[in-house]
C-alpha atoms as a PDB file:
ATOM      1  CA  MET A   1       0.000   0.000   0.000  1.00  0.00           C
ATOM      2  CA  SER A   2       1.415   3.385  -0.893  1.00  0.00           C
ATOM      3  CA  SER A   3       1.290   6.108   1.720  1.00  0.00           C
ATOM      4  CA  LYS A   4      -0.911   8.093  -0.651  1.00  0.00           C
ATOM      5  CA  GLU A   5      -3.588   5.439  -0.164  1.00  0.00           C
ATOM      6  CA  LYS A   6      -3.408   5.626   3.616  1.00  0.00           C
ATOM      7  CA  LYS A   7      -4.110   8.830   5.478  1.00  0.00           C
ATOM      8  CA  LEU A   8      -1.611   9.948   8.099  1.00  0.00           C
ATOM      9  CA  GLU A   9      -3.517   9.264  11.301  1.00  0.00           C
ATOM     10  CA  HIS A  10      -0.821   9.394  13.950  1.00  0.00           C
ATOM     11  CA  ILE A  11       2.287  11.565  13.885  1.00  0.00           C
ATOM     12  CA  SER A  12       4.826  11.119  16.667  1.00  0.00           C
ATOM     13  CA  PHE A  13       7.757  13.212  17.825  1.00  0.00           C
ATOM     14  CA  ILE A  14      10.924  12.268  19.675  1.00  0.00           C
ATOM     15  CA  MET A  15      11.615  15.781  20.921  1.00  0.00           C
ATOM     16  CA  ASP A  16      15.371  16.067  21.176  1.00  0.00           C
ATOM     17  CA  GLY A  17      17.763  18.980  21.447  1.00  0.00           C
ATOM     18  CA  ASN A  18      16.373  21.334  24.094  1.00  0.00           C
ATOM     19  CA  GLY A  19      19.620  21.336  26.062  1.00  0.00           C
ATOM     20  CA  ARG A  20      21.793  21.817  22.992  1.00  0.00           C
ATOM     21  CA  TRP A  21      19.537  24.650  21.816  1.00  0.00           C
ATOM     22  CA  ALA A  22      20.133  26.451  25.120  1.00  0.00           C
ATOM     23  CA  LYS A  23      23.866  25.698  25.155  1.00  0.00           C
ATOM     24  CA  LYS A  24      24.308  27.227  21.686  1.00  0.00           C
ATOM     25  CA  ARG A  25      22.864  30.441  23.136  1.00  0.00           C
ATOM     26  CA  LEU A  26      24.973  30.259  26.304  1.00  0.00           C
ATOM     27  CA  LEU A  27      21.821  29.740  28.356  1.00  0.00           C
ATOM     28  CA  PRO A  28      20.974  27.169  31.056  1.00  0.00           C
ATOM     29  CA  ARG A  29      19.368  23.951  29.813  1.00  0.00           C
ATOM     30  CA  THR A  30      16.140  24.983  31.548  1.00  0.00           C
ATOM     31  CA  PHE A  31      15.638  27.726  28.951  1.00  0.00           C
ATOM     32  CA  GLY A  32      15.679  25.060  26.258  1.00  0.00           C
ATOM     33  CA  HIS A  33      12.991  23.062  28.044  1.00  0.00           C
ATOM     34  CA  LYS A  34      10.779  26.159  28.340  1.00  0.00           C
ATOM     35  CA  GLU A  35      11.128  26.784  24.621  1.00  0.00           C
ATOM     36  CA  GLY A  36      10.449  23.115  24.003  1.00  0.00           C
ATOM     37  CA  VAL A  37       7.024  23.395  25.651  1.00  0.00           C
ATOM     38  CA  LYS A  38       6.173  26.418  23.512  1.00  0.00           C
ATOM     39  CA  LYS A  39       7.210  24.514  20.424  1.00  0.00           C
ATOM     40  CA  ALA A  40       5.053  21.532  21.389  1.00  0.00           C
ATOM     41  CA  LYS A  41       1.971  23.776  21.349  1.00  0.00           C
ATOM     42  CA  GLU A  42       2.858  25.069  17.886  1.00  0.00           C
ATOM     43  CA  VAL A  43       3.439  21.556  16.577  1.00  0.00           C
ATOM     44  CA  ILE A  44       0.114  20.308  17.948  1.00  0.00           C
ATOM     45  CA  LEU A  45      -1.729  23.152  16.231  1.00  0.00           C
ATOM     46  CA  HIS A  46       0.058  22.450  12.965  1.00  0.00           C
ATOM     47  CA  ALA A  47      -0.913  18.774  13.149  1.00  0.00           C
ATOM     48  CA  LYS A  48      -4.465  19.879  13.841  1.00  0.00           C
ATOM     49  CA  ALA A  49      -4.357  22.107  10.753  1.00  0.00           C
ATOM     50  CA  HIS A  50      -3.362  19.013   8.748  1.00  0.00           C
ATOM     51  CA  LYS A  51      -6.346  17.187  10.283  1.00  0.00           C
ATOM     52  CA  ILE A  52      -4.087  14.550  11.843  1.00  0.00           C
ATOM     53  CA  PRO A  53      -6.192  13.082  14.676  1.00  0.00           C
ATOM     54  CA  PHE A  54      -3.387  11.717  16.885  1.00  0.00           C
ATOM     55  CA  VAL A  55      -0.127  13.334  17.962  1.00  0.00           C
ATOM     56  CA  SER A  56       2.278  11.696  20.400  1.00  0.00           C
ATOM     57  CA  LEU A  57       5.100  13.520  22.165  1.00  0.00           C
ATOM     58  CA  TYR A  58       7.979  11.667  23.825  1.00  0.00           C
ATOM     59  CA  THR A  59       8.219  14.050  26.735  1.00  0.00           C
ATOM     60  CA  PHE A  60      10.085  12.206  29.478  1.00  0.00           C
ATOM     61  CA  SER A  61      11.534   8.712  29.397  1.00  0.00           C
ATOM     62  CA  LYS A  62      12.186   6.374  32.296  1.00  0.00           C
ATOM     63  CA  GLU A  63      15.889   6.881  31.604  1.00  0.00           C
ATOM     64  CA  ASN A  64      15.549  10.654  32.034  1.00  0.00           C
ATOM     65  CA  TRP A  65      15.447  10.234  35.824  1.00  0.00           C
ATOM     66  CA  LYS A  66      19.233   9.825  35.543  1.00  0.00           C
ATOM     67  CA  ARG A  67      19.590  13.516  34.715  1.00  0.00           C
ATOM     68  CA  PRO A  68      20.765  16.005  37.367  1.00  0.00           C
ATOM     69  CA  LYS A  69      18.234  16.415  40.186  1.00  0.00           C
ATOM     70  CA  ASP A  70      17.832  20.137  39.569  1.00  0.00           C
ATOM     71  CA  GLU A  71      16.967  19.568  35.924  1.00  0.00           C
ATOM     72  CA  VAL A  72      14.473  16.806  36.732  1.00  0.00           C
ATOM     73  CA  SER A  73      12.817  18.978  39.386  1.00  0.00           C
ATOM     74  CA  PHE A  74      12.546  21.810  36.870  1.00  0.00           C
ATOM     75  CA  LEU A  75      10.936  19.509  34.312  1.00  0.00           C
ATOM     76  CA  MET A  76       8.392  18.284  36.856  1.00  0.00           C
ATOM     77  CA  LYS A  77       7.455  21.856  37.783  1.00  0.00           C
ATOM     78  CA  LEU A  78       7.302  22.793  34.117  1.00  0.00           C
ATOM     79  CA  ILE A  79       4.661  20.132  33.510  1.00  0.00           C
ATOM     80  CA  ILE A  80       2.555  21.346  36.422  1.00  0.00           C
ATOM     81  CA  ASP A  81       2.844  25.011  35.463  1.00  0.00           C
ATOM     82  CA  HIS A  82       2.089  24.308  31.824  1.00  0.00           C
ATOM     83  CA  PHE A  83      -1.164  22.483  32.447  1.00  0.00           C
ATOM     84  CA  LYS A  84      -2.197  25.033  35.069  1.00  0.00           C
ATOM     85  CA  ASN A  85      -1.370  28.170  33.083  1.00  0.00           C
ATOM     86  CA  ASP A  86      -2.113  26.945  29.548  1.00  0.00           C
ATOM     87  CA  PHE A  87      -5.289  24.984  30.101  1.00  0.00           C
ATOM     88  CA  GLN A  88      -7.242  27.594  28.115  1.00  0.00           C
ATOM     89  CA  PHE A  89      -5.130  26.644  25.101  1.00  0.00           C
ATOM     90  CA  TYR A  90      -6.529  23.106  25.248  1.00  0.00           C
ATOM     91  CA  ILE A  91     -10.084  24.352  25.758  1.00  0.00           C
ATOM     92  CA  ASP A  92      -9.913  26.839  22.877  1.00  0.00           C
ATOM     93  CA  ASN A  93      -8.535  24.225  20.500  1.00  0.00           C
ATOM     94  CA  GLN A  94     -10.517  21.238  21.829  1.00  0.00           C
ATOM     95  CA  ILE A  95      -7.334  19.227  22.364  1.00  0.00           C
ATOM     96  CA  ARG A  96      -7.575  16.019  24.360  1.00  0.00           C
ATOM     97  CA  ILE A  97      -4.618  14.929  26.509  1.00  0.00           C
ATOM     98  CA  VAL A  98      -3.974  11.257  27.303  1.00  0.00           C
ATOM     99  CA  HIS A  99      -1.057  10.101  29.433  1.00  0.00           C
ATOM    100  CA  ILE A 100       0.957   7.150  28.138  1.00  0.00           C
ATOM    101  CA  GLY A 101       3.446   5.874  30.691  1.00  0.00           C
ATOM    102  CA  ASP A 102       3.978   4.618  34.212  1.00  0.00           C
ATOM    103  CA  LYS A 103       2.236   6.727  36.852  1.00  0.00           C
ATOM    104  CA  ASN A 104       4.234   4.979  39.561  1.00  0.00           C
ATOM    105  CA  GLY A 105       7.291   6.981  40.447  1.00  0.00           C
ATOM    106  CA  ILE A 106       5.915  10.285  39.210  1.00  0.00           C
ATOM    107  CA  PRO A 107       5.669  12.876  42.033  1.00  0.00           C
ATOM    108  CA  SER A 108       2.095  13.082  43.301  1.00  0.00           C
ATOM    109  CA  ASP A 109       1.634  16.744  42.358  1.00  0.00           C
ATOM    110  CA  VAL A 110       2.758  16.025  38.797  1.00  0.00           C
ATOM    111  CA  CYS A 111       0.531  12.957  38.624  1.00  0.00           C
ATOM    112  CA  ASN A 112      -2.425  15.022  39.867  1.00  0.00           C
ATOM    113  CA  ALA A 113      -1.784  17.690  37.221  1.00  0.00           C
ATOM    114  CA  ILE A 114      -1.691  15.087  34.461  1.00  0.00           C
ATOM    115  CA  GLU A 115      -4.818  13.308  35.694  1.00  0.00           C
ATOM    116  CA  GLU A 116      -6.648  16.636  35.966  1.00  0.00           C
ATOM    117  CA  ILE A 117      -5.875  17.620  32.364  1.00  0.00           C
ATOM    118  CA  GLU A 118      -6.870  14.133  31.219  1.00  0.00           C
ATOM    119  CA  GLN A 119     -10.203  14.385  33.005  1.00  0.00           C
ATOM    120  CA  ASN A 120     -10.941  17.943  31.929  1.00  0.00           C
ATOM    121  CA  SER A 121     -10.099  17.313  28.276  1.00  0.00           C
ATOM    122  CA  LYS A 122     -11.612  13.839  27.852  1.00  0.00           C
ATOM    123  CA  ASN A 123     -14.523  15.089  25.723  1.00  0.00           C
ATOM    124  CA  PHE A 124     -12.430  17.248  23.390  1.00  0.00           C
ATOM    125  CA  ASN A 125     -12.276  15.841  19.883  1.00  0.00           C
ATOM    126  CA  SER A 126     -10.218  17.958  17.490  1.00  0.00           C
ATOM    127  CA  VAL A 127      -6.930  16.139  18.135  1.00  0.00           C
ATOM    128  CA  THR A 128      -5.767  13.650  20.769  1.00  0.00           C
ATOM    129  CA  VAL A 129      -2.296  14.260  22.174  1.00  0.00           C
ATOM    130  CA  LEU A 130      -0.585  11.251  23.713  1.00  0.00           C
ATOM    131  CA  LEU A 131       1.665  12.662  26.438  1.00  0.00           C
ATOM    132  CA  VAL A 132       4.367   9.995  26.594  1.00  0.00           C
ATOM    133  CA  PHE A 133       5.732  10.670  30.064  1.00  0.00           C
ATOM    134  CA  ASN A 134       7.743   8.342  32.323  1.00  0.00           C
ATOM    135  CA  TYR A 135       7.676   5.796  29.543  1.00  0.00           C
ATOM    136  CA  SER A 136       9.937   3.271  27.904  1.00  0.00           C
ATOM    137  CA  GLY A 137       9.159   0.747  25.212  1.00  0.00           C
ATOM    138  CA  GLN A 138      10.707  -2.082  27.203  1.00  0.00           C
ATOM    139  CA  TYR A 139       8.615  -1.150  30.248  1.00  0.00           C
ATOM    140  CA  ASP A 140       5.473  -1.094  28.092  1.00  0.00           C
ATOM    141  CA  ILE A 141       6.083  -4.612  26.801  1.00  0.00           C
ATOM    142  CA  ALA A 142       6.969  -5.886  30.290  1.00  0.00           C
ATOM    143  CA  GLN A 143       3.849  -4.415  31.894  1.00  0.00           C
ATOM    144  CA  ALA A 144       1.736  -5.896  29.101  1.00  0.00           C
ATOM    145  CA  LEU A 145       3.193  -9.368  29.704  1.00  0.00           C
ATOM    146  CA  ASN A 146       2.686  -9.027  33.463  1.00  0.00           C
ATOM    147  CA  LYS A 147      -0.980  -8.147  32.929  1.00  0.00           C
ATOM    148  CA  MET A 148      -1.372 -11.111  30.616  1.00  0.00           C
ATOM    149  CA  LEU A 149       0.139 -13.419  33.216  1.00  0.00           C
ATOM    150  CA  ALA A 150      -2.227 -11.993  35.831  1.00  0.00           C
ATOM    151  CA  ASP A 151      -5.145 -12.620  33.449  1.00  0.00           C
ATOM    152  CA  LYS A 152      -3.785 -16.127  32.742  1.00  0.00           C
ATOM    153  CA  VAL A 153      -3.610 -15.426  29.024  1.00  0.00           C
ATOM    154  CA  SER A 154      -1.540 -18.048  27.198  1.00  0.00           C
ATOM    155  CA  CYS A 155      -0.775 -19.188  23.646  1.00  0.00           C
ATOM    156  CA  THR A 156      -1.160 -15.638  22.521  1.00  0.00           C
ATOM    157  CA  ASP A 157      -0.285 -13.812  19.308  1.00  0.00           C
ATOM    158  CA  GLU A 158       0.735 -10.264  18.389  1.00  0.00           C
ATOM    159  CA  LYS A 159      -2.841  -8.974  18.386  1.00  0.00           C
ATOM    160  CA  GLU A 160      -3.403 -10.246  21.920  1.00  0.00           C
ATOM    161  CA  ILE A 161      -0.240  -8.545  23.195  1.00  0.00           C
ATOM    162  CA  ARG A 162      -1.352  -5.285  21.575  1.00  0.00           C
ATOM    163  CA  LYS A 163      -4.510  -5.311  23.716  1.00  0.00           C
ATOM    164  CA  TYR A 164      -2.347  -4.979  26.839  1.00  0.00           C
ATOM    165  CA  LEU A 165      -0.033  -2.212  25.669  1.00  0.00           C
ATOM    166  CA  LEU A 166      -0.501   1.274  27.103  1.00  0.00           C
ATOM    167  CA  THR A 167      -1.455   2.457  23.616  1.00  0.00           C
ATOM    168  CA  SER A 168      -4.065  -0.254  23.028  1.00  0.00           C
ATOM    169  CA  ASP A 169      -6.845   2.286  22.387  1.00  0.00           C
ATOM    170  CA  TYR A 170      -4.879   4.250  19.803  1.00  0.00           C
ATOM    171  CA  PRO A 171      -3.402   3.607  16.354  1.00  0.00           C
ATOM    172  CA  ASP A 172       0.310   2.949  15.999  1.00  0.00           C
ATOM    173  CA  PRO A 173       2.323   5.924  14.757  1.00  0.00           C
ATOM    174  CA  ASP A 174       2.445   6.164  10.971  1.00  0.00           C
ATOM    175  CA  LEU A 175       5.298   8.664  11.070  1.00  0.00           C
ATOM    176  CA  ILE A 176       7.911   9.195  13.801  1.00  0.00           C
ATOM    177  CA  ILE A 177       9.945  12.394  13.566  1.00  0.00           C
ATOM    178  CA  ARG A 178      13.176  12.709  15.533  1.00  0.00           C
ATOM    179  CA  THR A 179      14.834  16.073  15.921  1.00  0.00           C
ATOM    180  CA  SER A 180      18.510  16.993  16.535  1.00  0.00           C
ATOM    181  CA  GLY A 181      19.916  14.503  14.033  1.00  0.00           C
ATOM    182  CA  GLU A 182      20.072  11.455  16.314  1.00  0.00           C
ATOM    183  CA  PHE A 183      19.557   8.094  14.585  1.00  0.00           C
ATOM    184  CA  ARG A 184      18.178   5.968  17.398  1.00  0.00           C
ATOM    185  CA  ILE A 185      14.767   5.099  18.809  1.00  0.00           C
ATOM    186  CA  SER A 186      15.729   5.680  22.469  1.00  0.00           C
ATOM    187  CA  ASN A 187      13.490   2.952  23.897  1.00  0.00           C
ATOM    188  CA  TYR A 188      10.389   4.567  22.410  1.00  0.00           C
ATOM    189  CA  PHE A 189       7.317   2.676  21.122  1.00  0.00           C
ATOM    190  CA  LEU A 190       9.381  -0.457  20.432  1.00  0.00           C
ATOM    191  CA  TYR A 191       6.315  -2.575  19.682  1.00  0.00           C
ATOM    192  CA  GLN A 192       4.213   0.161  18.103  1.00  0.00           C
ATOM    193  CA  ALA A 193       6.919   1.340  15.691  1.00  0.00           C
ATOM    194  CA  ALA A 194       7.159  -1.977  13.838  1.00  0.00           C
ATOM    195  CA  TYR A 195       6.001  -0.362  10.577  1.00  0.00           C
ATOM    196  CA  SER A 196       6.316   3.328  11.347  1.00  0.00           C
ATOM    197  CA  GLU A 197       8.056   5.552   8.828  1.00  0.00           C
ATOM    198  CA  PHE A 198      10.957   7.559  10.288  1.00  0.00           C
ATOM    199  CA  TYR A 199      12.079  11.081   9.508  1.00  0.00           C
ATOM    200  CA  VAL A 200      15.242  12.464  11.097  1.00  0.00           C
ATOM    201  CA  THR A 201      16.104  16.158  10.989  1.00  0.00           C
ATOM    202  CA  ASP A 202      19.169  17.999  12.293  1.00  0.00           C
ATOM    203  CA  THR A 203      16.848  20.736  13.564  1.00  0.00           C
ATOM    204  CA  LEU A 204      16.821  21.058  17.352  1.00  0.00           C
ATOM    205  CA  TRP A 205      13.349  20.694  18.849  1.00  0.00           C
ATOM    206  CA  PRO A 206      12.836  24.380  19.852  1.00  0.00           C
ATOM    207  CA  ASP A 207      13.690  25.368  16.252  1.00  0.00           C
ATOM    208  CA  MET A 208      11.282  22.892  14.643  1.00  0.00           C
ATOM    209  CA  SER A 209       9.312  24.768  11.996  1.00  0.00           C
ATOM    210  CA  LYS A 210       6.056  24.208  10.153  1.00  0.00           C
ATOM    211  CA  THR A 211       8.121  23.950   6.967  1.00  0.00           C
ATOM    212  CA  GLU A 212      10.194  21.108   8.414  1.00  0.00           C
ATOM    213  CA  ILE A 213       7.074  19.257   9.569  1.00  0.00           C
ATOM    214  CA  ASP A 214       5.544  19.707   6.119  1.00  0.00           C
ATOM    215  CA  LYS A 215       8.714  18.222   4.576  1.00  0.00           C
ATOM    216  CA  ALA A 216       8.365  15.196   6.864  1.00  0.00           C
ATOM    217  CA  ILE A 217       4.687  14.771   5.987  1.00  0.00           C
ATOM    218  CA  ASP A 218       5.434  15.128   2.275  1.00  0.00           C
ATOM    219  CA  SER A 219       8.176  12.523   2.638  1.00  0.00           C
ATOM    220  CA  PHE A 220       5.697  10.160   4.284  1.00  0.00           C
ATOM    221  CA  TYR A 221       3.204  10.479   1.447  1.00  0.00           C
ATOM    222  CA  HIS A 222       5.883   9.712  -1.138  1.00  0.00           C
ATOM    223  CA  ARG A 223       6.984   6.450   0.457  1.00  0.00           C
ATOM    224  CA  ASP A 224       5.809   3.020  -0.617  1.00  0.00           C
ATOM    225  CA  ARG A 225       4.669   1.189   2.518  1.00  0.00           C
ATOM    226  CA  ARG A 226       4.605  -2.527   1.673  1.00  0.00           C
ATOM    227  CA  PHE A 227       4.266  -3.934   5.221  1.00  0.00           C
ATOM    228  CA  GLY A 228       6.322  -6.985   4.251  1.00  0.00           C
ATOM    229  CA  GLY A 229       4.622  -7.432   0.856  1.00  0.00           C
ATOM    230  CA  VAL A 230       5.839  -6.548  -2.629  1.00  0.00           C
END
């Protein structure tokens, strides 16, 4: 099936380069993270303009807890402040937020902020944003298998495993865009990305432009997606 025959339903972003963006400007890394949040809002609106119903943002991985404590604390506060101060943005644009990740280990005030935005946006229907936070692909597969063991599911196949993934209610990403020129998946959507198309750009996340996103989308629609066929 060519990509022209299949509409782009789910666009996903591995948002990389906030720290390097700040360093290039001789600023603390925290400035890069602030700009990264602003850019996320722009990107969501641009996806909405393209009528793409699902957008996923790799916001914070399980490995990111290894970062300096001050930076992690800043990121946690940034999440809380964003959903508190920018909630009108989600109302005005009818954007639904869904958390994908492990709620265990997230500070309670951050968890409360995420659950509140999920609850308050659950009926919005212009675009669904999967907030991939405290997530890893390996964790997702492990938690799915643990649930299956608890449910005494055996002799299963790929479709059965999919039912237990954190993304079970949502389509797999058609297109995954990684910024900052890194060619790795970073433990992201390992199961879900089996047939995703990838687009890598040297652009740092805070500099991501509508033009660059349009180039990625155009690239997607010019690829021949055979899904193992000929």
